C-alpha atoms as a PDB file:
ATOM      1  CA  MET A   1      12.669 -60.105-151.964  1.00  0.00           C
ATOM      2  CA  ALA A   2      11.305 -57.775-154.614  1.00  0.00           C
ATOM      3  CA  THR A   3      13.945 -55.063-154.465  1.00  0.00           C
ATOM      4  CA  PRO A   4      16.587 -53.951-151.951  1.00  0.00           C
ATOM      5  CA  PHE A   5      15.264 -50.393-152.005  1.00  0.00           C
ATOM      6  CA  LYS A   6      11.926 -51.469-150.581  1.00  0.00           C
ATOM      7  CA  ASP A   7      12.771 -54.526-148.526  1.00  0.00           C
ATOM      8  CA  ALA A   8      16.340 -54.131-147.322  1.00  0.00           C
ATOM      9  CA  SER A   9      16.909 -53.859-143.586  1.00  0.00           C
ATOM     10  CA  LYS A  10      17.563 -50.423-142.141  1.00  0.00           C
ATOM     11  CA  ILE A  11      19.693 -48.943-139.411  1.00  0.00           C
ATOM     12  CA  SER A  12      19.286 -45.670-137.578  1.00  0.00           C
ATOM     13  CA  ILE A  13      22.076 -43.109-137.247  1.00  0.00           C
ATOM     14  CA  GLY A  14      20.915 -40.250-135.090  1.00  0.00           C
ATOM     15  CA  ARG A  15      17.613 -39.176-136.597  1.00  0.00           C
ATOM     16  CA  ASN A  16      18.385 -40.705-139.963  1.00  0.00           C
ATOM     17  CA  THR A  17      17.365 -44.165-141.103  1.00  0.00           C
ATOM     18  CA  ILE A  18      19.385 -45.604-143.946  1.00  0.00           C
ATOM     19  CA  PRO A  19      19.103 -48.943-145.775  1.00  0.00           C
ATOM     20  CA  VAL A  20      21.723 -51.648-145.494  1.00  0.00           C
ATOM     21  CA  PRO A  21      22.550 -54.370-148.037  1.00  0.00           C
ATOM     22  CA  PRO A  22      19.947 -57.127-148.251  1.00  0.00           C
ATOM     23  CA  THR A  23      20.659 -60.556-146.821  1.00  0.00           C
ATOM     24  CA  PHE A  24      19.438 -63.893-148.153  1.00  0.00           C
ATOM     25  CA  SER A  25      18.571 -67.146-146.412  1.00  0.00           C
ATOM     26  CA  ASP A  26      18.211 -68.942-149.746  1.00  0.00           C
ATOM     27  CA  PRO A  27      21.559 -69.204-151.600  1.00  0.00           C
ATOM     28  CA  LEU A  28      19.756 -69.660-154.921  1.00  0.00           C
ATOM     29  CA  GLU A  29      17.882 -66.404-154.386  1.00  0.00           C
ATOM     30  CA  HIS A  30      21.177 -64.729-153.489  1.00  0.00           C
ATOM     31  CA  ARG A  31      22.724 -66.000-156.722  1.00  0.00           C
ATOM     32  CA  ALA A  32      19.724 -64.816-158.747  1.00  0.00           C
ATOM     33  CA  PHE A  33      19.923 -61.367-157.170  1.00  0.00           C
ATOM     34  CA  LEU A  34      23.642 -61.009-157.874  1.00  0.00           C
ATOM     35  CA  LYS A  35      23.157 -62.046-161.495  1.00  0.00           C
ATOM     36  CA  PHE A  36      20.313 -59.550-161.863  1.00  0.00           C
ATOM     37  CA  ARG A  37      22.441 -56.832-160.265  1.00  0.00           C
ATOM     38  CA  LEU A  38      25.490 -57.651-162.383  1.00  0.00           C
ATOM     39  CA  ALA A  39      23.475 -57.414-165.599  1.00  0.00           C
ATOM     40  CA  GLN A  40      22.158 -54.062-164.388  1.00  0.00           C
ATOM     41  CA  ALA A  41      25.731 -52.898-163.753  1.00  0.00           C
ATOM     42  CA  PHE A  42      26.635 -53.563-167.380  1.00  0.00           C
ATOM     43  CA  ARG A  43      23.650 -51.583-168.594  1.00  0.00           C
ATOM     44  CA  ILE A  44      24.616 -48.706-166.303  1.00  0.00           C
ATOM     45  CA  PHE A  45      28.134 -48.782-167.749  1.00  0.00           C
ATOM     46  CA  ALA A  46      26.593 -48.671-171.236  1.00  0.00           C
ATOM     47  CA  LYS A  47      24.638 -45.534-170.290  1.00  0.00           C
ATOM     48  CA  TYR A  48      27.901 -43.839-169.321  1.00  0.00           C
ATOM     49  CA  GLY A  49      29.642 -44.975-172.498  1.00  0.00           C
ATOM     50  CA  TYR A  50      32.067 -47.265-170.700  1.00  0.00           C
ATOM     51  CA  ASP A  51      31.955 -49.851-173.466  1.00  0.00           C
ATOM     52  CA  GLU A  52      34.916 -50.149-175.857  1.00  0.00           C
ATOM     53  CA  GLY A  53      34.270 -52.806-178.471  1.00  0.00           C
ATOM     54  CA  VAL A  54      34.788 -56.183-176.788  1.00  0.00           C
ATOM     55  CA  ALA A  55      36.957 -54.717-174.002  1.00  0.00           C
ATOM     56  CA  GLY A  56      35.813 -54.278-170.419  1.00  0.00           C
ATOM     57  CA  HIS A  57      34.399 -56.711-167.923  1.00  0.00           C
ATOM     58  CA  ILE A  58      32.679 -56.878-164.536  1.00  0.00           C
ATOM     59  CA  THR A  59      32.719 -60.022-162.425  1.00  0.00           C
ATOM     60  CA  VAL A  60      30.914 -61.075-159.263  1.00  0.00           C
ATOM     61  CA  ARG A  61      31.858 -63.988-157.044  1.00  0.00           C
ATOM     62  CA  ASP A  62      29.228 -66.719-156.967  1.00  0.00           C
ATOM     63  CA  PRO A  63      27.713 -67.098-153.459  1.00  0.00           C
ATOM     64  CA  ILE A  64      27.266 -70.854-153.865  1.00  0.00           C
ATOM     65  CA  ARG A  65      30.488 -71.839-155.587  1.00  0.00           C
ATOM     66  CA  GLN A  66      33.034 -69.483-154.074  1.00  0.00           C
ATOM     67  CA  ASP A  67      35.721 -70.581-156.534  1.00  0.00           C
ATOM     68  CA  CYS A  68      33.612 -69.369-159.464  1.00  0.00           C
ATOM     69  CA  TYR A  69      32.519 -65.968-160.713  1.00  0.00           C
ATOM     70  CA  TRP A  70      29.957 -64.590-163.146  1.00  0.00           C
ATOM     71  CA  VAL A  71      31.167 -62.538-166.106  1.00  0.00           C
ATOM     72  CA  ASN A  72      29.876 -61.071-169.353  1.00  0.00           C
ATOM     73  CA  PRO A  73      30.344 -63.101-172.545  1.00  0.00           C
ATOM     74  CA  LYS A  74      32.837 -61.594-174.973  1.00  0.00           C
ATOM     75  CA  GLY A  75      31.320 -59.774-177.913  1.00  0.00           C
ATOM     76  CA  VAL A  76      27.947 -58.891-176.349  1.00  0.00           C
ATOM     77  CA  HIS A  77      27.206 -55.174-175.906  1.00  0.00           C
ATOM     78  CA  PHE A  78      26.878 -54.028-172.308  1.00  0.00           C
ATOM     79  CA  LYS A  79      23.490 -52.457-173.059  1.00  0.00           C
ATOM     80  CA  ILE A  80      21.787 -55.763-173.880  1.00  0.00           C
ATOM     81  CA  ILE A  81      23.277 -57.986-171.186  1.00  0.00           C
ATOM     82  CA  GLN A  82      20.683 -59.849-169.106  1.00  0.00           C
ATOM     83  CA  PRO A  83      21.142 -62.299-166.191  1.00  0.00           C
ATOM     84  CA  GLU A  84      20.482 -65.356-168.327  1.00  0.00           C
ATOM     85  CA  GLY A  85      23.330 -64.429-170.674  1.00  0.00           C
ATOM     86  CA  LEU A  86      26.086 -64.339-168.046  1.00  0.00           C
ATOM     87  CA  LEU A  87      28.840 -66.946-167.854  1.00  0.00           C
ATOM     88  CA  LEU A  88      29.846 -68.866-164.735  1.00  0.00           C
ATOM     89  CA  VAL A  89      33.596 -69.506-164.829  1.00  0.00           C
ATOM     90  CA  ASP A  90      35.752 -71.468-162.420  1.00  0.00           C
ATOM     91  CA  ARG A  91      39.254 -70.687-161.171  1.00  0.00           C
ATOM     92  CA  GLY A  92      40.801 -72.586-164.069  1.00  0.00           C
ATOM     93  CA  GLY A  93      38.905 -70.574-166.680  1.00  0.00           C
ATOM     94  CA  LYS A  94      36.432 -73.343-167.487  1.00  0.00           C
ATOM     95  CA  ILE A  95      32.920 -72.217-168.387  1.00  0.00           C
ATOM     96  CA  GLN A  96      30.324 -74.095-166.351  1.00  0.00           C
ATOM     97  CA  GLU A  97      28.081 -75.377-169.126  1.00  0.00           C
ATOM     98  CA  ASN A  98      24.931 -76.075-167.099  1.00  0.00           C
ATOM     99  CA  GLU A  99      24.843 -72.617-165.523  1.00  0.00           C
ATOM    100  CA  SER A 100      26.015 -70.325-168.310  1.00  0.00           C
ATOM    101  CA  GLY A 101      24.226 -68.421-171.063  1.00  0.00           C
ATOM    102  CA  PRO A 102      24.084 -69.418-174.737  1.00  0.00           C
ATOM    103  CA  SER A 103      27.068 -67.292-175.828  1.00  0.00           C
ATOM    104  CA  ARG A 104      30.118 -69.168-174.559  1.00  0.00           C
ATOM    105  CA  ARG A 105      32.904 -66.773-175.575  1.00  0.00           C
ATOM    106  CA  LEU A 106      35.095 -65.882-172.596  1.00  0.00           C
ATOM    107  CA  SER A 107      37.538 -62.983-172.776  1.00  0.00           C
ATOM    108  CA  ARG A 108      41.000 -64.307-171.991  1.00  0.00           C
ATOM    109  CA  ALA A 109      41.958 -60.935-170.516  1.00  0.00           C
ATOM    110  CA  ALA A 110      38.889 -61.020-168.273  1.00  0.00           C
ATOM    111  CA  TYR A 111      39.882 -64.458-167.024  1.00  0.00           C
ATOM    112  CA  MET A 112      43.525 -63.572-166.425  1.00  0.00           C
ATOM    113  CA  ILE A 113      42.834 -60.323-164.579  1.00  0.00           C
ATOM    114  CA  HIS A 114      39.677 -61.132-162.653  1.00  0.00           C
ATOM    115  CA  SER A 115      40.504 -64.691-161.611  1.00  0.00           C
ATOM    116  CA  SER A 116      43.831 -63.499-160.203  1.00  0.00           C
ATOM    117  CA  ILE A 117      42.147 -60.784-158.131  1.00  0.00           C
ATOM    118  CA  HIS A 118      39.292 -62.983-156.913  1.00  0.00           C
ATOM    119  CA  GLN A 119      41.802 -65.633-155.850  1.00  0.00           C
ATOM    120  CA  ALA A 120      44.157 -63.172-154.141  1.00  0.00           C
ATOM    121  CA  ARG A 121      41.357 -61.236-152.433  1.00  0.00           C
ATOM    122  CA  PRO A 122      38.744 -63.469-150.750  1.00  0.00           C
ATOM    123  CA  ASP A 123      37.097 -60.289-149.443  1.00  0.00           C
ATOM    124  CA  VAL A 124      36.324 -59.049-152.957  1.00  0.00           C
ATOM    125  CA  VAL A 125      32.907 -59.820-154.400  1.00  0.00           C
ATOM    126  CA  CYS A 126      32.931 -57.609-157.496  1.00  0.00           C
ATOM    127  CA  VAL A 127      35.697 -56.479-159.864  1.00  0.00           C
ATOM    128  CA  ALA A 128      35.019 -53.880-162.572  1.00  0.00           C
ATOM    129  CA  HIS A 129      37.444 -52.942-165.350  1.00  0.00           C
ATOM    130  CA  SER A 130      37.079 -50.951-168.542  1.00  0.00           C
ATOM    131  CA  HIS A 131      38.911 -48.548-170.847  1.00  0.00           C
ATOM    132  CA  THR A 132      37.161 -45.271-170.061  1.00  0.00           C
ATOM    133  CA  THR A 133      38.131 -42.023-171.754  1.00  0.00           C
ATOM    134  CA  TYR A 134      39.460 -39.881-168.916  1.00  0.00           C
ATOM    135  CA  ALA A 135      41.033 -42.792-167.052  1.00  0.00           C
ATOM    136  CA  LYS A 136      42.979 -43.749-170.166  1.00  0.00           C
ATOM    137  CA  ALA A 137      44.133 -40.173-170.652  1.00  0.00           C
ATOM    138  CA  PHE A 138      45.049 -39.638-167.001  1.00  0.00           C
ATOM    139  CA  GLY A 139      46.732 -43.030-166.819  1.00  0.00           C
ATOM    140  CA  LEU A 140      49.236 -41.906-169.458  1.00  0.00           C
ATOM    141  CA  LEU A 141      50.730 -39.507-166.917  1.00  0.00           C
ATOM    142  CA  GLY A 142      51.843 -42.373-164.696  1.00  0.00           C
ATOM    143  CA  VAL A 143      50.881 -40.654-161.437  1.00  0.00           C
ATOM    144  CA  PRO A 144      48.310 -41.413-158.736  1.00  0.00           C
ATOM    145  CA  LEU A 145      45.344 -39.197-157.927  1.00  0.00           C
ATOM    146  CA  ASP A 146      45.959 -36.213-155.678  1.00  0.00           C
ATOM    147  CA  PRO A 147      43.550 -35.411-152.827  1.00  0.00           C
ATOM    148  CA  LEU A 148      42.143 -32.416-154.706  1.00  0.00           C
ATOM    149  CA  THR A 149      38.462 -32.723-153.873  1.00  0.00           C
ATOM    150  CA  GLN A 150      36.132 -34.348-151.373  1.00  0.00           C
ATOM    151  CA  ASP A 151      35.375 -37.026-153.976  1.00  0.00           C
ATOM    152  CA  SER A 152      38.996 -37.825-154.773  1.00  0.00           C
ATOM    153  CA  CYS A 153      39.661 -38.288-151.047  1.00  0.00           C
ATOM    154  CA  ALA A 154      37.656 -41.521-151.275  1.00  0.00           C
ATOM    155  CA  PHE A 155      40.712 -42.926-153.069  1.00  0.00           C
ATOM    156  CA  TYR A 156      43.358 -41.337-150.849  1.00  0.00           C
ATOM    157  CA  GLU A 157      45.975 -44.021-150.127  1.00  0.00           C
ATOM    158  CA  ASP A 158      43.421 -46.565-151.344  1.00  0.00           C
ATOM    159  CA  HIS A 159      44.401 -46.848-154.998  1.00  0.00           C
ATOM    160  CA  ALA A 160      47.533 -47.955-156.794  1.00  0.00           C
ATOM    161  CA  LEU A 161      49.256 -47.416-160.135  1.00  0.00           C
ATOM    162  CA  TYR A 162      50.171 -50.314-162.418  1.00  0.00           C
ATOM    163  CA  SER A 163      52.842 -48.893-164.706  1.00  0.00           C
ATOM    164  CA  GLU A 164      53.829 -51.996-166.697  1.00  0.00           C
ATOM    165  CA  PHE A 165      51.901 -52.214-169.966  1.00  0.00           C
ATOM    166  CA  ARG A 166      52.901 -55.245-172.010  1.00  0.00           C
ATOM    167  CA  GLY A 167      49.962 -55.421-174.377  1.00  0.00           C
ATOM    168  CA  ILE A 168      46.706 -57.320-173.942  1.00  0.00           C
ATOM    169  CA  VAL A 169      46.679 -59.379-170.752  1.00  0.00           C
ATOM    170  CA  VAL A 170      46.809 -62.917-172.105  1.00  0.00           C
ATOM    171  CA  ASP A 171      48.971 -64.765-169.592  1.00  0.00           C
ATOM    172  CA  ARG A 172      48.668 -65.703-165.955  1.00  0.00           C
ATOM    173  CA  GLU A 173      51.847 -63.910-164.943  1.00  0.00           C
ATOM    174  CA  GLU A 174      50.465 -60.540-166.010  1.00  0.00           C
ATOM    175  CA  GLY A 175      47.182 -61.135-164.194  1.00  0.00           C
ATOM    176  CA  LEU A 176      49.016 -62.021-161.006  1.00  0.00           C
ATOM    177  CA  ALA A 177      51.195 -58.916-161.351  1.00  0.00           C
ATOM    178  CA  ILE A 178      48.090 -56.716-161.594  1.00  0.00           C
ATOM    179  CA  ALA A 179      46.555 -58.390-158.531  1.00  0.00           C
ATOM    180  CA  ASN A 180      49.808 -57.959-156.639  1.00  0.00           C
ATOM    181  CA  VAL A 181      50.017 -54.216-157.360  1.00  0.00           C
ATOM    182  CA  LEU A 182      46.354 -53.757-156.399  1.00  0.00           C
ATOM    183  CA  GLY A 183      47.132 -55.422-153.073  1.00  0.00           C
ATOM    184  CA  SER A 184      44.496 -54.637-150.450  1.00  0.00           C
ATOM    185  CA  LYS A 185      43.370 -51.405-152.127  1.00  0.00           C
ATOM    186  CA  LYS A 186      40.036 -50.893-153.855  1.00  0.00           C
ATOM    187  CA  ALA A 187      41.168 -49.238-157.080  1.00  0.00           C
ATOM    188  CA  LEU A 188      43.923 -49.435-159.648  1.00  0.00           C
ATOM    189  CA  ILE A 189      44.995 -47.090-162.429  1.00  0.00           C
ATOM    190  CA  LEU A 190      46.465 -49.140-165.264  1.00  0.00           C
ATOM    191  CA  GLN A 191      48.906 -46.935-167.176  1.00  0.00           C
ATOM    192  CA  ASN A 192      48.252 -46.885-170.961  1.00  0.00           C
ATOM    193  CA  HIS A 193      45.196 -49.039-170.305  1.00  0.00           C
ATOM    194  CA  GLY A 194      42.265 -48.033-168.057  1.00  0.00           C
ATOM    195  CA  ILE A 195      41.043 -48.426-164.478  1.00  0.00           C
ATOM    196  CA  LEU A 196      39.921 -51.234-162.201  1.00  0.00           C
ATOM    197  CA  VAL A 197      37.856 -51.312-159.001  1.00  0.00           C
ATOM    198  CA  ALA A 198      37.552 -54.250-156.584  1.00  0.00           C
ATOM    199  CA  THR A 199      34.997 -54.123-153.761  1.00  0.00           C
ATOM    200  CA  LYS A 200      32.641 -56.157-151.597  1.00  0.00           C
ATOM    201  CA  SER A 201      29.476 -55.325-153.537  1.00  0.00           C
ATOM    202  CA  ILE A 202      28.343 -54.645-157.088  1.00  0.00           C
ATOM    203  CA  GLU A 203      26.817 -51.328-156.023  1.00  0.00           C
ATOM    204  CA  SER A 204      30.031 -50.009-154.499  1.00  0.00           C
ATOM    205  CA  ALA A 205      32.072 -51.202-157.484  1.00  0.00           C
ATOM    206  CA  VAL A 206      29.793 -49.299-159.860  1.00  0.00           C
ATOM    207  CA  PHE A 207      29.878 -46.139-157.762  1.00  0.00           C
ATOM    208  CA  PHE A 208      33.621 -46.080-157.172  1.00  0.00           C
ATOM    209  CA  PHE A 209      34.296 -46.847-160.842  1.00  0.00           C
ATOM    210  CA  ILE A 210      32.135 -43.923-161.989  1.00  0.00           C
ATOM    211  CA  SER A 211      33.673 -41.673-159.335  1.00  0.00           C
ATOM    212  CA  LEU A 212      37.240 -42.649-160.227  1.00  0.00           C
ATOM    213  CA  GLU A 213      36.634 -41.835-163.894  1.00  0.00           C
ATOM    214  CA  LYS A 214      35.280 -38.408-162.884  1.00  0.00           C
ATOM    215  CA  CYS A 215      38.210 -37.789-160.522  1.00  0.00           C
ATOM    216  CA  CYS A 216      40.649 -38.515-163.356  1.00  0.00           C
ATOM    217  CA  LYS A 217      38.852 -35.917-165.471  1.00  0.00           C
ATOM    218  CA  VAL A 218      38.855 -33.308-162.696  1.00  0.00           C
ATOM    219  CA  GLN A 219      42.571 -33.683-162.006  1.00  0.00           C
ATOM    220  CA  MET A 220      43.456 -33.228-165.670  1.00  0.00           C
ATOM    221  CA  VAL A 221      41.238 -30.132-165.912  1.00  0.00           C
ATOM    222  CA  VAL A 222      42.746 -28.680-162.736  1.00  0.00           C
ATOM    223  CA  ASP A 223      46.330 -29.405-163.782  1.00  0.00           C
ATOM    224  CA  GLN A 224      45.745 -27.778-167.159  1.00  0.00           C
ATOM    225  CA  ALA A 225      44.106 -24.680-165.671  1.00  0.00           C
ATOM    226  CA  ALA A 226      46.782 -24.337-162.996  1.00  0.00           C
ATOM    227  CA  ALA A 227      49.611 -24.640-165.528  1.00  0.00           C
ATOM    228  CA  ALA A 228      48.015 -22.006-167.768  1.00  0.00           C
ATOM    229  CA  ARG A 229      47.901 -19.558-164.861  1.00  0.00           C
ATOM    230  CA  GLY A 230      51.209 -20.447-163.279  1.00  0.00           C
ATOM    231  CA  LEU A 231      49.446 -21.747-160.198  1.00  0.00           C
ATOM    232  CA  LYS A 232      49.763 -24.867-158.070  1.00  0.00           C
ATOM    233  CA  PRO A 233      46.560 -26.712-157.069  1.00  0.00           C
ATOM    234  CA  ARG A 234      45.848 -26.686-153.358  1.00  0.00           C
ATOM    235  CA  LEU A 235      45.767 -30.223-151.985  1.00  0.00           C
ATOM    236  CA  ILE A 236      43.669 -31.386-149.058  1.00  0.00           C
ATOM    237  CA  ASP A 237      45.881 -32.062-146.058  1.00  0.00           C
ATOM    238  CA  PRO A 238      46.648 -35.736-145.242  1.00  0.00           C
ATOM    239  CA  VAL A 239      44.637 -35.830-141.994  1.00  0.00           C
ATOM    240  CA  SER A 240      41.503 -34.402-143.614  1.00  0.00           C
ATOM    241  CA  ALA A 241      41.959 -36.582-146.703  1.00  0.00           C
ATOM    242  CA  ALA A 242      42.247 -39.748-144.606  1.00  0.00           C
ATOM    243  CA  SER A 243      39.259 -38.769-142.478  1.00  0.00           C
ATOM    244  CA  THR A 244      37.153 -38.114-145.562  1.00  0.00           C
ATOM    245  CA  ARG A 245      38.205 -41.452-147.058  1.00  0.00           C
ATOM    246  CA  GLU A 246      37.013 -43.284-143.954  1.00  0.00           C
ATOM    247  CA  SER A 247      33.518 -41.961-144.620  1.00  0.00           C
ATOM    248  CA  LEU A 248      33.138 -41.556-148.386  1.00  0.00           C
ATOM    249  CA  GLY A 249      35.570 -44.281-149.332  1.00  0.00           C
ATOM    250  CA  SER A 250      34.181 -46.987-147.077  1.00  0.00           C
ATOM    251  CA  GLU A 251      32.491 -50.079-148.451  1.00  0.00           C
ATOM    252  CA  MET A 252      29.163 -49.085-146.894  1.00  0.00           C
ATOM    253  CA  GLY A 253      29.554 -45.556-148.230  1.00  0.00           C
ATOM    254  CA  GLY A 254      30.193 -46.876-151.728  1.00  0.00           C
ATOM    255  CA  TRP A 255      27.212 -49.244-151.543  1.00  0.00           C
ATOM    256  CA  PHE A 256      24.862 -46.483-150.411  1.00  0.00           C
ATOM    257  CA  ASP A 257      26.179 -44.012-153.016  1.00  0.00           C
ATOM    258  CA  GLY A 258      25.781 -46.639-155.720  1.00  0.00           C
ATOM    259  CA  ILE A 259      22.122 -47.372-154.975  1.00  0.00           C
ATOM    260  CA  PRO A 260      20.731 -44.330-156.883  1.00  0.00           C
ATOM    261  CA  GLU A 261      22.245 -45.604-160.134  1.00  0.00           C
ATOM    262  CA  PHE A 262      20.230 -48.803-159.795  1.00  0.00           C
ATOM    263  CA  GLN A 263      17.136 -46.919-158.664  1.00  0.00           C
ATOM    264  CA  LEU A 264      17.265 -44.786-161.803  1.00  0.00           C
ATOM    265  CA  LEU A 265      17.806 -47.787-164.063  1.00  0.00           C
ATOM    266  CA  GLU A 266      14.863 -49.617-162.524  1.00  0.00           C
ATOM    267  CA  HIS A 267      12.703 -46.528-162.930  1.00  0.00           C
ATOM    268  CA  GLU A 268      13.691 -46.193-166.587  1.00  0.00           C
ATOM    269  CA  GLU A 269      13.339 -49.872-167.419  1.00  0.00           C
ATOM    270  CA  GLU A 270      10.385 -50.557-165.113  1.00  0.00           C
ATOM    271  CA  LYS A 271      12.081 -53.815-164.258  1.00  0.00           C
ATOM    272  CA  ARG A 272      12.931 -54.959-160.738  1.00  0.00           C
ATOM    273  CA  PHE A 273      14.294 -58.104-159.201  1.00  0.00           C
ATOM    274  CA  GLU A 274      11.728 -60.815-158.605  1.00  0.00           C
ATOM    275  CA  TYR A 275      12.705 -64.266-157.475  1.00  0.00           C
ATOM    276  CA  VAL A 276      10.630 -67.248-158.530  1.00  0.00           C
ATOM    277  CA  PRO A 277      11.979 -70.506-157.065  1.00  0.00           C
ATOM    278  CA  ALA A 278      12.357 -73.372-159.485  1.00  0.00           C
ATOM    279  CA  PRO A 279       9.732 -76.107-158.962  1.00  0.00           C
ATOM    280  CA  GLN A 280      10.962 -78.979-156.828  1.00  0.00           C
ATOM    281  CA  GLU A 281      11.332 -82.302-158.574  1.00  0.00           C
ATOM    282  CA  ILE A 282       9.105 -85.059-157.247  1.00  0.00           C
ATOM    283  CA  VAL A 283      11.124 -88.203-156.701  1.00  0.00           C
END
C-alpha cells in the first residue's frame, strides 16, 4: 500500500465518491503505516507551532500489541520526528527495547495521561495533547465552547472541561482523573494547561485538534468584540448544533477532513508511505 490517498477503498454517496480509511491484512504493515502516520502528525503539529519545549505528545495504539502505544521520545523536536525514532510503551510505562528508537526518554506526563485514556477507552486509537496558544488562553476562562459557528458545532456536547490544575501530571491519580472527565467524549479543555483530543484515527485526531485550537481563538475574538459593543453573540440552536455535530464531528468526518493535512505534507516532503517487508529468516 503506497499511500491511502491513491489506494484506499472508496464508497459512493449519491454522485460523490469519497475515500475510506485503508485496511491491512498484514499486521506488520499496519504497524508500519501507523508509525509513519504518527511521525507525520508530529511534523504537522510543528508546522502549526504546536510545540512547547519538551511538552506535548501524540500516541497511537499499537495494532499488534493492544496494550502498548507509540509515543514521541521526550526532548526531540516535533519537526524532526521519524517513524524509527518513536517509542513503544506498555501499560506499565515500560519502554519496549527491541521495538523503540535510540532515544529512550519517556515523558512521565505523557505516560500518565495517555496510558490512562488508552486503558479507559478501548475505542481510542490516537490521543493528541499539547499546550497551544489559544487553547491555553481560552482554558483560563474555565468554560466550554459555545456553538458559535459551524466548526465549533463539531464539539457540541462532545467535549469536556478539566478544571483541576495541580501542576505537571506526574502521578497515576491525576491521569485517571483526566481520563474520567474526558469520559466518552472526543475532546478535553484542560484549564490552565492546554487541550486534548482522543479519536479512532490519527487523521481525525490531527484535524479535530487543529479545529479545536481555532475554535478557542474564534470564541475569544467574538466575546471580546461583543463585549466592546455591548452585544451578545448569537448561538446556534441545540437541534441544529447537534445535527451539525453528527456530520462534521463524526469520526469519519474528522478522518476525511484530516486527510488534506497529510496530502500537503507529502507534497512538500515528497515522501510517502512505502512498506518493505523484512526478509524472512531461513531456519
